Amino acid sequence: MKLIAVLLLMTSFFIEAGFVHKIENNEENFDKFFKNFCKDDKFQLSRIKFPLKVVVVDEEKRNEKTIQQNDWRHTDLLKLKKEHSKNKLETLDKAMDSKDVVFTNKDNGEIVHHLFSNIDNQWYLTSIVDESE
């Protein structure tokens, strides 16, 4: 009986201390998804919601267009980040089910938001917002 009480106490401690994590609904890990998304062109195509909405924002106006699947070109943001020391890639949590991966290059004023949504426990690129100068 003491053993059961000790085990229950230890289990509660580990859960409270954060040593045990519960993954609800088998949700896909974003970091693992993103690495695969960047490296595998076929996987990338399967995880984009086409037609993909692209918004180009400048000081005067906001232009919207769409990219069809046959017009998409594989983009490896992790590789682009490594190509130049000024390139930066930052992932922002917008909500529990959305991420904003921002690619920036201060030398040329490039700022591009890649918006991902978790749909049915899988991550998808759902839109791009280009705020480059």
C-alpha atoms as a PDB file:
ATOM      1  CA  MET A   1       0.000   0.000   0.000  1.00  0.00           C
ATOM      2  CA  LYS A   2       2.851   2.371   0.840  1.00  0.00           C
ATOM      3  CA  LEU A   3       4.444   1.563  -2.527  1.00  0.00           C
ATOM      4  CA  ILE A   4       1.277   2.558  -4.391  1.00  0.00           C
ATOM      5  CA  ALA A   5       1.019   5.803  -2.430  1.00  0.00           C
ATOM      6  CA  VAL A   6       4.676   6.617  -3.170  1.00  0.00           C
ATOM      7  CA  LEU A   7       4.217   5.854  -6.884  1.00  0.00           C
ATOM      8  CA  LEU A   8       1.133   8.056  -7.091  1.00  0.00           C
ATOM      9  CA  LEU A   9       2.933  10.858  -5.288  1.00  0.00           C
ATOM     10  CA  MET A  10       5.969  10.571  -7.582  1.00  0.00           C
ATOM     11  CA  THR A  11       3.776  10.514 -10.699  1.00  0.00           C
ATOM     12  CA  SER A  12       1.991  13.672  -9.561  1.00  0.00           C
ATOM     13  CA  PHE A  13       5.343  15.333  -8.883  1.00  0.00           C
ATOM     14  CA  PHE A  14       6.737  14.476 -12.328  1.00  0.00           C
ATOM     15  CA  ILE A  15       3.607  15.744 -14.066  1.00  0.00           C
ATOM     16  CA  GLU A  16       3.650  18.999 -12.078  1.00  0.00           C
ATOM     17  CA  ALA A  17       7.385  19.466 -12.613  1.00  0.00           C
ATOM     18  CA  GLY A  18       6.936  19.123 -16.365  1.00  0.00           C
ATOM     19  CA  PHE A  19       8.832  15.863 -16.786  1.00  0.00           C
ATOM     20  CA  VAL A  20       5.782  14.190 -18.284  1.00  0.00           C
ATOM     21  CA  HIS A  21       4.134  15.910 -21.245  1.00  0.00           C
ATOM     22  CA  LYS A  22       0.757  14.950 -22.571  1.00  0.00           C
ATOM     23  CA  ILE A  23       0.345  15.273 -26.310  1.00  0.00           C
ATOM     24  CA  GLU A  24      -3.304  15.927 -26.963  1.00  0.00           C
ATOM     25  CA  ASN A  25      -4.959  14.586 -30.113  1.00  0.00           C
ATOM     26  CA  ASN A  26      -1.641  13.314 -31.525  1.00  0.00           C
ATOM     27  CA  GLU A  27      -0.828  16.833 -32.699  1.00  0.00           C
ATOM     28  CA  GLU A  28       2.111  17.045 -35.081  1.00  0.00           C
ATOM     29  CA  ASN A  29       5.268  18.664 -33.658  1.00  0.00           C
ATOM     30  CA  PHE A  30       5.829  21.921 -35.565  1.00  0.00           C
ATOM     31  CA  ASP A  31       9.645  21.874 -35.464  1.00  0.00           C
ATOM     32  CA  LYS A  32       9.840  18.364 -36.918  1.00  0.00           C
ATOM     33  CA  PHE A  33       7.196  19.251 -39.484  1.00  0.00           C
ATOM     34  CA  PHE A  34       9.036  22.424 -40.519  1.00  0.00           C
ATOM     35  CA  LYS A  35      12.373  20.651 -41.046  1.00  0.00           C
ATOM     36  CA  ASN A  36      10.666  18.083 -43.252  1.00  0.00           C
ATOM     37  CA  PHE A  37       8.676  20.824 -45.010  1.00  0.00           C
ATOM     38  CA  CYS A  38      11.883  22.648 -45.942  1.00  0.00           C
ATOM     39  CA  LYS A  39      13.908  19.637 -47.061  1.00  0.00           C
ATOM     40  CA  ASP A  40      11.378  17.447 -48.908  1.00  0.00           C
ATOM     41  CA  ASP A  41       9.792  19.047 -51.978  1.00  0.00           C
ATOM     42  CA  LYS A  42       7.043  16.416 -52.310  1.00  0.00           C
ATOM     43  CA  PHE A  43       6.145  16.719 -48.640  1.00  0.00           C
ATOM     44  CA  GLN A  44       6.113  20.496 -49.004  1.00  0.00           C
ATOM     45  CA  LEU A  45       3.647  20.318 -51.893  1.00  0.00           C
ATOM     46  CA  SER A  46       1.371  18.059 -49.871  1.00  0.00           C
ATOM     47  CA  ARG A  47       1.336  20.527 -46.960  1.00  0.00           C
ATOM     48  CA  ILE A  48       0.370  23.724 -48.761  1.00  0.00           C
ATOM     49  CA  LYS A  49      -3.261  24.753 -49.037  1.00  0.00           C
ATOM     50  CA  PHE A  50      -3.647  25.635 -52.709  1.00  0.00           C
ATOM     51  CA  PRO A  51      -4.500  28.002 -54.164  1.00  0.00           C
ATOM     52  CA  LEU A  52      -2.057  29.715 -51.808  1.00  0.00           C
ATOM     53  CA  LYS A  53      -2.933  33.285 -50.882  1.00  0.00           C
ATOM     54  CA  VAL A  54      -0.003  35.703 -51.197  1.00  0.00           C
ATOM     55  CA  VAL A  55      -0.287  39.287 -49.979  1.00  0.00           C
ATOM     56  CA  VAL A  56       2.312  41.866 -51.009  1.00  0.00           C
ATOM     57  CA  VAL A  57       2.244  44.940 -48.786  1.00  0.00           C
ATOM     58  CA  ASP A  58       4.010  48.189 -49.556  1.00  0.00           C
ATOM     59  CA  GLU A  59       3.593  51.742 -48.294  1.00  0.00           C
ATOM     60  CA  GLU A  60       0.896  52.605 -50.819  1.00  0.00           C
ATOM     61  CA  LYS A  61      -1.171  49.476 -51.319  1.00  0.00           C
ATOM     62  CA  ARG A  62      -1.856  45.862 -50.536  1.00  0.00           C
ATOM     63  CA  ASN A  63      -1.899  43.444 -53.480  1.00  0.00           C
ATOM     64  CA  GLU A  64      -3.348  39.968 -53.187  1.00  0.00           C
ATOM     65  CA  LYS A  65      -2.723  37.107 -55.555  1.00  0.00           C
ATOM     66  CA  THR A  66      -2.856  33.333 -55.468  1.00  0.00           C
ATOM     67  CA  ILE A  67      -0.323  30.696 -56.416  1.00  0.00           C
ATOM     68  CA  GLN A  68      -1.570  27.475 -57.949  1.00  0.00           C
ATOM     69  CA  GLN A  69       0.126  24.177 -57.167  1.00  0.00           C
ATOM     70  CA  ASN A  70       1.740  23.897 -60.610  1.00  0.00           C
ATOM     71  CA  ASP A  71       3.305  27.374 -60.178  1.00  0.00           C
ATOM     72  CA  TRP A  72       4.843  26.650 -56.763  1.00  0.00           C
ATOM     73  CA  ARG A  73       8.623  26.330 -56.510  1.00  0.00           C
ATOM     74  CA  HIS A  74      10.177  24.444 -53.610  1.00  0.00           C
ATOM     75  CA  THR A  75      11.474  26.825 -50.944  1.00  0.00           C
ATOM     76  CA  ASP A  76      13.944  25.718 -48.272  1.00  0.00           C
ATOM     77  CA  LEU A  77      13.816  28.495 -45.680  1.00  0.00           C
ATOM     78  CA  LEU A  78      16.342  26.727 -43.448  1.00  0.00           C
ATOM     79  CA  LYS A  79      18.846  26.683 -46.317  1.00  0.00           C
ATOM     80  CA  LEU A  80      18.160  30.348 -47.125  1.00  0.00           C
ATOM     81  CA  LYS A  81      18.802  31.243 -43.488  1.00  0.00           C
ATOM     82  CA  LYS A  82      22.242  29.601 -43.624  1.00  0.00           C
ATOM     83  CA  GLU A  83      23.251  31.216 -46.940  1.00  0.00           C
ATOM     84  CA  HIS A  84      23.917  34.659 -45.474  1.00  0.00           C
ATOM     85  CA  SER A  85      24.738  35.835 -41.967  1.00  0.00           C
ATOM     86  CA  LYS A  86      22.148  38.633 -42.247  1.00  0.00           C
ATOM     87  CA  ASN A  87      19.327  36.177 -42.966  1.00  0.00           C
ATOM     88  CA  LYS A  88      17.098  35.470 -39.993  1.00  0.00           C
ATOM     89  CA  LEU A  89      14.274  33.004 -39.451  1.00  0.00           C
ATOM     90  CA  GLU A  90      11.939  33.397 -36.484  1.00  0.00           C
ATOM     91  CA  THR A  91       8.887  31.367 -35.516  1.00  0.00           C
ATOM     92  CA  LEU A  92       6.131  33.258 -33.733  1.00  0.00           C
ATOM     93  CA  ASP A  93       3.206  31.553 -32.036  1.00  0.00           C
ATOM     94  CA  LYS A  94       0.053  33.288 -33.211  1.00  0.00           C
ATOM     95  CA  ALA A  95      -2.286  30.882 -31.401  1.00  0.00           C
ATOM     96  CA  MET A  96      -2.346  27.237 -30.380  1.00  0.00           C
ATOM     97  CA  ASP A  97      -3.092  26.256 -33.958  1.00  0.00           C
ATOM     98  CA  SER A  98      -1.118  28.822 -35.970  1.00  0.00           C
ATOM     99  CA  LYS A  99       2.507  29.848 -36.453  1.00  0.00           C
ATOM    100  CA  ASP A 100       4.146  32.726 -38.288  1.00  0.00           C
ATOM    101  CA  VAL A 101       7.594  31.879 -39.669  1.00  0.00           C
ATOM    102  CA  VAL A 102       9.232  35.195 -40.535  1.00  0.00           C
ATOM    103  CA  PHE A 103      12.178  35.313 -42.941  1.00  0.00           C
ATOM    104  CA  THR A 104      14.150  38.565 -42.853  1.00  0.00           C
ATOM    105  CA  ASN A 105      17.264  39.927 -44.528  1.00  0.00           C
ATOM    106  CA  LYS A 106      18.268  43.345 -43.218  1.00  0.00           C
ATOM    107  CA  ASP A 107      20.640  44.027 -46.132  1.00  0.00           C
ATOM    108  CA  ASN A 108      17.924  44.022 -48.769  1.00  0.00           C
ATOM    109  CA  GLY A 109      14.896  44.816 -46.589  1.00  0.00           C
ATOM    110  CA  GLU A 110      13.251  41.452 -47.143  1.00  0.00           C
ATOM    111  CA  ILE A 111      10.499  40.536 -44.650  1.00  0.00           C
ATOM    112  CA  VAL A 112       8.282  37.594 -45.560  1.00  0.00           C
ATOM    113  CA  HIS A 113       5.741  35.967 -43.237  1.00  0.00           C
ATOM    114  CA  HIS A 114       4.867  32.311 -43.846  1.00  0.00           C
ATOM    115  CA  LEU A 115       1.626  31.560 -42.027  1.00  0.00           C
ATOM    116  CA  PHE A 116       1.002  27.970 -40.971  1.00  0.00           C
ATOM    117  CA  SER A 117      -2.196  26.515 -39.546  1.00  0.00           C
ATOM    118  CA  ASN A 118      -2.806  23.252 -37.750  1.00  0.00           C
ATOM    119  CA  ILE A 119      -5.666  21.540 -39.559  1.00  0.00           C
ATOM    120  CA  ASP A 120      -6.791  18.113 -38.363  1.00  0.00           C
ATOM    121  CA  ASN A 121      -3.586  17.773 -36.292  1.00  0.00           C
ATOM    122  CA  GLN A 122      -1.288  18.453 -39.257  1.00  0.00           C
ATOM    123  CA  TRP A 123       0.537  21.661 -40.159  1.00  0.00           C
ATOM    124  CA  TYR A 124      -0.094  23.425 -43.484  1.00  0.00           C
ATOM    125  CA  LEU A 125       1.217  26.589 -45.113  1.00  0.00           C
ATOM    126  CA  THR A 126      -1.950  28.639 -45.607  1.00  0.00           C
ATOM    127  CA  SER A 127      -0.708  32.069 -46.736  1.00  0.00           C
ATOM    128  CA  ILE A 128       2.312  34.287 -47.300  1.00  0.00           C
ATOM    129  CA  VAL A 129       2.601  38.000 -46.518  1.00  0.00           C
ATOM    130  CA  ASP A 130       5.497  39.866 -48.140  1.00  0.00           C
ATOM    131  CA  GLU A 131       6.358  43.148 -46.396  1.00  0.00           C
ATOM    132  CA  SER A 132       9.702  43.635 -48.138  1.00  0.00           C
ATOM    133  CA  GLU A 133      10.886  47.136 -48.941  1.00  0.00           C
END
